[in-house]
Every structure is written in structure tokens, then in C-alpha cells.
């Protein structure tokens, strides 16, 4: 239970504390800023990858597993990309992220990493 709580705290920090407004908006390729931004403004995938990497780092710090950190980075990128494409809403997005954390706890307690 402690490990799951630590993962949830890391997730809350990544999604709500460390994610600035500019990142939250610019990680979508549909963001309004891309209609007016110049060529020097970072592309949406830089914002999204950076955000996903913060989450991967949190999972790595909590679990001590580089593999789980990389898996989280990839999964968080994919889940947020789907949300930004409006394939599902914020609630589904958050449920998927929490299910990932439950899977990591299971994987760790099984001794697979």
C-alpha cells in the first residue's frame, strides 16, 4: 500500500504541481498557440515528451527501476496523446494512469523487476 501511495503522490506532482499551464496546453498538437506561434516555439511533441519524462522519472525514483521508468514514460506519452486527440476524456486518462501504477506495484511484488 505504501508503494502505491508513493506512485500516486508522484503522479499528482507530475500532473498537477510540476505541469505548468503552458505545458498542459502545448502538449496537444491541436493547441491554439500553434496557430500564432513562430517557428522557434517548441513543437507539441517536445512538451508531451517532457511531461511524460517527468512521470517516468517519478516512477524511477519510487521504484528504483529504470525499466519501469521507461515504461511509464512511454505509456504516459501514449495515454496523454490519446486524451489530447479527444479519443477519451480526463477521467479515463486518470484511470489509465492509476491502473499503470497498480500494475507497477504488482510487477514489483511479483519480483519481476
C-alpha atoms as a PDB file:
ATOM      1  CA  UNK A   1       0.000   0.000   0.000  1.00  0.00           C
ATOM      2  CA  UNK A   2       2.896   2.346   0.751  1.00  0.00           C
ATOM      3  CA  UNK A   3       4.376   1.813  -2.690  1.00  0.00           C
ATOM      4  CA  UNK A   4       1.048   2.508  -4.401  1.00  0.00           C
ATOM      5  CA  UNK A   5       0.649   5.694  -2.344  1.00  0.00           C
ATOM      6  CA  UNK A   6       4.153   6.817  -3.359  1.00  0.00           C
ATOM      7  CA  UNK A   7       3.284   6.235  -7.026  1.00  0.00           C
ATOM      8  CA  UNK A   8       0.081   8.264  -6.624  1.00  0.00           C
ATOM      9  CA  UNK A   9       1.963  11.136  -4.994  1.00  0.00           C
ATOM     10  CA  UNK A  10       4.467  11.101  -7.868  1.00  0.00           C
ATOM     11  CA  UNK A  11       1.594  11.141 -10.334  1.00  0.00           C
ATOM     12  CA  UNK A  12      -0.140  14.042  -8.599  1.00  0.00           C
ATOM     13  CA  UNK A  13       3.112  16.009  -8.555  1.00  0.00           C
ATOM     14  CA  UNK A  14       3.712  15.340 -12.258  1.00  0.00           C
ATOM     15  CA  UNK A  15       0.181  16.092 -13.431  1.00  0.00           C
ATOM     16  CA  UNK A  16      -0.785  18.939 -11.143  1.00  0.00           C
ATOM     17  CA  UNK A  17       2.233  20.526  -9.449  1.00  0.00           C
ATOM     18  CA  UNK A  18       5.089  20.334 -11.960  1.00  0.00           C
ATOM     19  CA  UNK A  19       2.954  20.706 -15.095  1.00  0.00           C
ATOM     20  CA  UNK A  20       2.802  24.392 -15.899  1.00  0.00           C
ATOM     21  CA  UNK A  21      -0.124  25.836 -17.815  1.00  0.00           C
ATOM     22  CA  UNK A  22       1.990  26.308 -20.950  1.00  0.00           C
ATOM     23  CA  UNK A  23       2.902  22.616 -20.905  1.00  0.00           C
ATOM     24  CA  UNK A  24      -0.663  21.461 -20.257  1.00  0.00           C
ATOM     25  CA  UNK A  25      -1.868  23.414 -23.275  1.00  0.00           C
ATOM     26  CA  UNK A  26       1.091  22.990 -25.623  1.00  0.00           C
ATOM     27  CA  UNK A  27       1.399  19.197 -25.321  1.00  0.00           C
ATOM     28  CA  UNK A  28      -1.570  18.899 -27.681  1.00  0.00           C
ATOM     29  CA  UNK A  29      -0.945  19.320 -31.393  1.00  0.00           C
ATOM     30  CA  UNK A  30      -4.374  20.964 -31.552  1.00  0.00           C
ATOM     31  CA  UNK A  31      -3.443  23.759 -29.122  1.00  0.00           C
ATOM     32  CA  UNK A  32      -4.493  27.245 -30.179  1.00  0.00           C
ATOM     33  CA  UNK A  33      -0.977  28.531 -29.615  1.00  0.00           C
ATOM     34  CA  UNK A  34       0.239  26.687 -32.723  1.00  0.00           C
ATOM     35  CA  UNK A  35      -1.927  28.932 -34.907  1.00  0.00           C
ATOM     36  CA  UNK A  36       0.072  32.000 -33.861  1.00  0.00           C
ATOM     37  CA  UNK A  37       3.387  30.671 -32.524  1.00  0.00           C
ATOM     38  CA  UNK A  38       6.503  31.266 -34.532  1.00  0.00           C
ATOM     39  CA  UNK A  39       8.888  28.552 -35.714  1.00  0.00           C
ATOM     40  CA  UNK A  40      11.047  28.887 -32.592  1.00  0.00           C
ATOM     41  CA  UNK A  41       8.178  27.805 -30.288  1.00  0.00           C
ATOM     42  CA  UNK A  42       8.727  24.163 -29.264  1.00  0.00           C
ATOM     43  CA  UNK A  43       6.603  21.582 -31.078  1.00  0.00           C
ATOM     44  CA  UNK A  44       3.830  19.795 -29.176  1.00  0.00           C
ATOM     45  CA  UNK A  45       5.774  16.535 -29.000  1.00  0.00           C
ATOM     46  CA  UNK A  46       8.592  18.224 -27.063  1.00  0.00           C
ATOM     47  CA  UNK A  47       6.099  19.379 -24.438  1.00  0.00           C
ATOM     48  CA  UNK A  48       4.399  15.984 -24.299  1.00  0.00           C
ATOM     49  CA  UNK A  49       7.681  14.048 -24.153  1.00  0.00           C
ATOM     50  CA  UNK A  50       8.986  16.310 -21.396  1.00  0.00           C
ATOM     51  CA  UNK A  51       5.789  15.845 -19.387  1.00  0.00           C
ATOM     52  CA  UNK A  52       5.929  12.070 -19.848  1.00  0.00           C
ATOM     53  CA  UNK A  53       9.587  12.025 -18.813  1.00  0.00           C
ATOM     54  CA  UNK A  54       8.730  13.762 -15.535  1.00  0.00           C
ATOM     55  CA  UNK A  55       6.317  10.913 -14.829  1.00  0.00           C
ATOM     56  CA  UNK A  56       8.876   8.307 -15.846  1.00  0.00           C
ATOM     57  CA  UNK A  57      11.355   9.940 -13.504  1.00  0.00           C
ATOM     58  CA  UNK A  58       8.861   9.810 -10.634  1.00  0.00           C
ATOM     59  CA  UNK A  59       8.263   6.095 -11.225  1.00  0.00           C
ATOM     60  CA  UNK A  60      12.019   5.510 -11.396  1.00  0.00           C
ATOM     61  CA  UNK A  61      12.596   7.401  -8.130  1.00  0.00           C
ATOM     62  CA  UNK A  62       9.851   5.492  -6.317  1.00  0.00           C
ATOM     63  CA  UNK A  63      10.589   2.040  -7.737  1.00  0.00           C
ATOM     64  CA  UNK A  64      14.325   2.203  -8.326  1.00  0.00           C
ATOM     65  CA  UNK A  65      13.655   0.509 -11.670  1.00  0.00           C
ATOM     66  CA  UNK A  66      14.919   2.129 -14.840  1.00  0.00           C
ATOM     67  CA  UNK A  67      12.767  -0.287 -16.844  1.00  0.00           C
ATOM     68  CA  UNK A  68       9.567   0.808 -15.101  1.00  0.00           C
ATOM     69  CA  UNK A  69      10.612   4.444 -15.505  1.00  0.00           C
ATOM     70  CA  UNK A  70      10.981   3.989 -19.260  1.00  0.00           C
ATOM     71  CA  UNK A  71       7.711   2.033 -19.468  1.00  0.00           C
ATOM     72  CA  UNK A  72       5.929   4.834 -17.591  1.00  0.00           C
ATOM     73  CA  UNK A  73       7.423   7.465 -19.899  1.00  0.00           C
ATOM     74  CA  UNK A  74       6.137   5.638 -22.982  1.00  0.00           C
ATOM     75  CA  UNK A  75       2.725   4.804 -21.515  1.00  0.00           C
ATOM     76  CA  UNK A  76       2.193   8.292 -20.143  1.00  0.00           C
ATOM     77  CA  UNK A  77       3.064   9.780 -23.536  1.00  0.00           C
ATOM     78  CA  UNK A  78       0.607   7.458 -25.311  1.00  0.00           C
ATOM     79  CA  UNK A  79      -2.224   7.955 -22.824  1.00  0.00           C
ATOM     80  CA  UNK A  80      -1.878  11.746 -22.843  1.00  0.00           C
ATOM     81  CA  UNK A  81      -1.604  11.779 -26.631  1.00  0.00           C
ATOM     82  CA  UNK A  82      -4.927   9.920 -26.838  1.00  0.00           C
ATOM     83  CA  UNK A  83      -6.501  12.369 -24.396  1.00  0.00           C
ATOM     84  CA  UNK A  84      -5.194  15.324 -26.418  1.00  0.00           C
ATOM     85  CA  UNK A  85      -6.697  13.745 -29.547  1.00  0.00           C
ATOM     86  CA  UNK A  86     -10.041  13.667 -27.683  1.00  0.00           C
ATOM     87  CA  UNK A  87     -10.263   9.888 -28.008  1.00  0.00           C
ATOM     88  CA  UNK A  88     -11.245   9.843 -24.335  1.00  0.00           C
ATOM     89  CA  UNK A  89     -11.693  12.346 -21.530  1.00  0.00           C
ATOM     90  CA  UNK A  90      -9.722  13.369 -18.434  1.00  0.00           C
ATOM     91  CA  UNK A  91     -11.453  10.776 -16.248  1.00  0.00           C
ATOM     92  CA  UNK A  92     -10.440   7.873 -18.492  1.00  0.00           C
ATOM     93  CA  UNK A  93      -6.948   9.386 -18.722  1.00  0.00           C
ATOM     94  CA  UNK A  94      -6.576   9.407 -14.938  1.00  0.00           C
ATOM     95  CA  UNK A  95      -7.990   5.890 -14.526  1.00  0.00           C
ATOM     96  CA  UNK A  96      -5.489   4.567 -17.079  1.00  0.00           C
ATOM     97  CA  UNK A  97      -2.606   6.277 -15.280  1.00  0.00           C
ATOM     98  CA  UNK A  98      -3.716   4.812 -11.937  1.00  0.00           C
ATOM     99  CA  UNK A  99      -4.051   1.334 -13.477  1.00  0.00           C
ATOM    100  CA  UNK A 100      -0.454   1.663 -14.665  1.00  0.00           C
ATOM    101  CA  UNK A 101       0.623   2.396 -11.092  1.00  0.00           C
ATOM    102  CA  UNK A 102      -1.287  -0.649  -9.829  1.00  0.00           C
ATOM    103  CA  UNK A 103       0.442  -2.757 -12.475  1.00  0.00           C
ATOM    104  CA  UNK A 104       3.856  -1.491 -11.338  1.00  0.00           C
ATOM    105  CA  UNK A 105       3.069  -2.436  -7.741  1.00  0.00           C
ATOM    106  CA  UNK A 106       2.022  -5.906  -8.887  1.00  0.00           C
ATOM    107  CA  UNK A 107       5.148  -6.292 -11.023  1.00  0.00           C
ATOM    108  CA  UNK A 108       7.392  -5.232  -8.152  1.00  0.00           C
ATOM    109  CA  UNK A 109       5.695  -7.501  -5.602  1.00  0.00           C
ATOM    110  CA  UNK A 110       5.950 -10.415  -8.027  1.00  0.00           C
ATOM    111  CA  UNK A 111       9.692  -9.762  -8.165  1.00  0.00           C
ATOM    112  CA  UNK A 112       9.711  -9.310 -11.939  1.00  0.00           C
ATOM    113  CA  UNK A 113      11.886  -6.195 -11.658  1.00  0.00           C
END
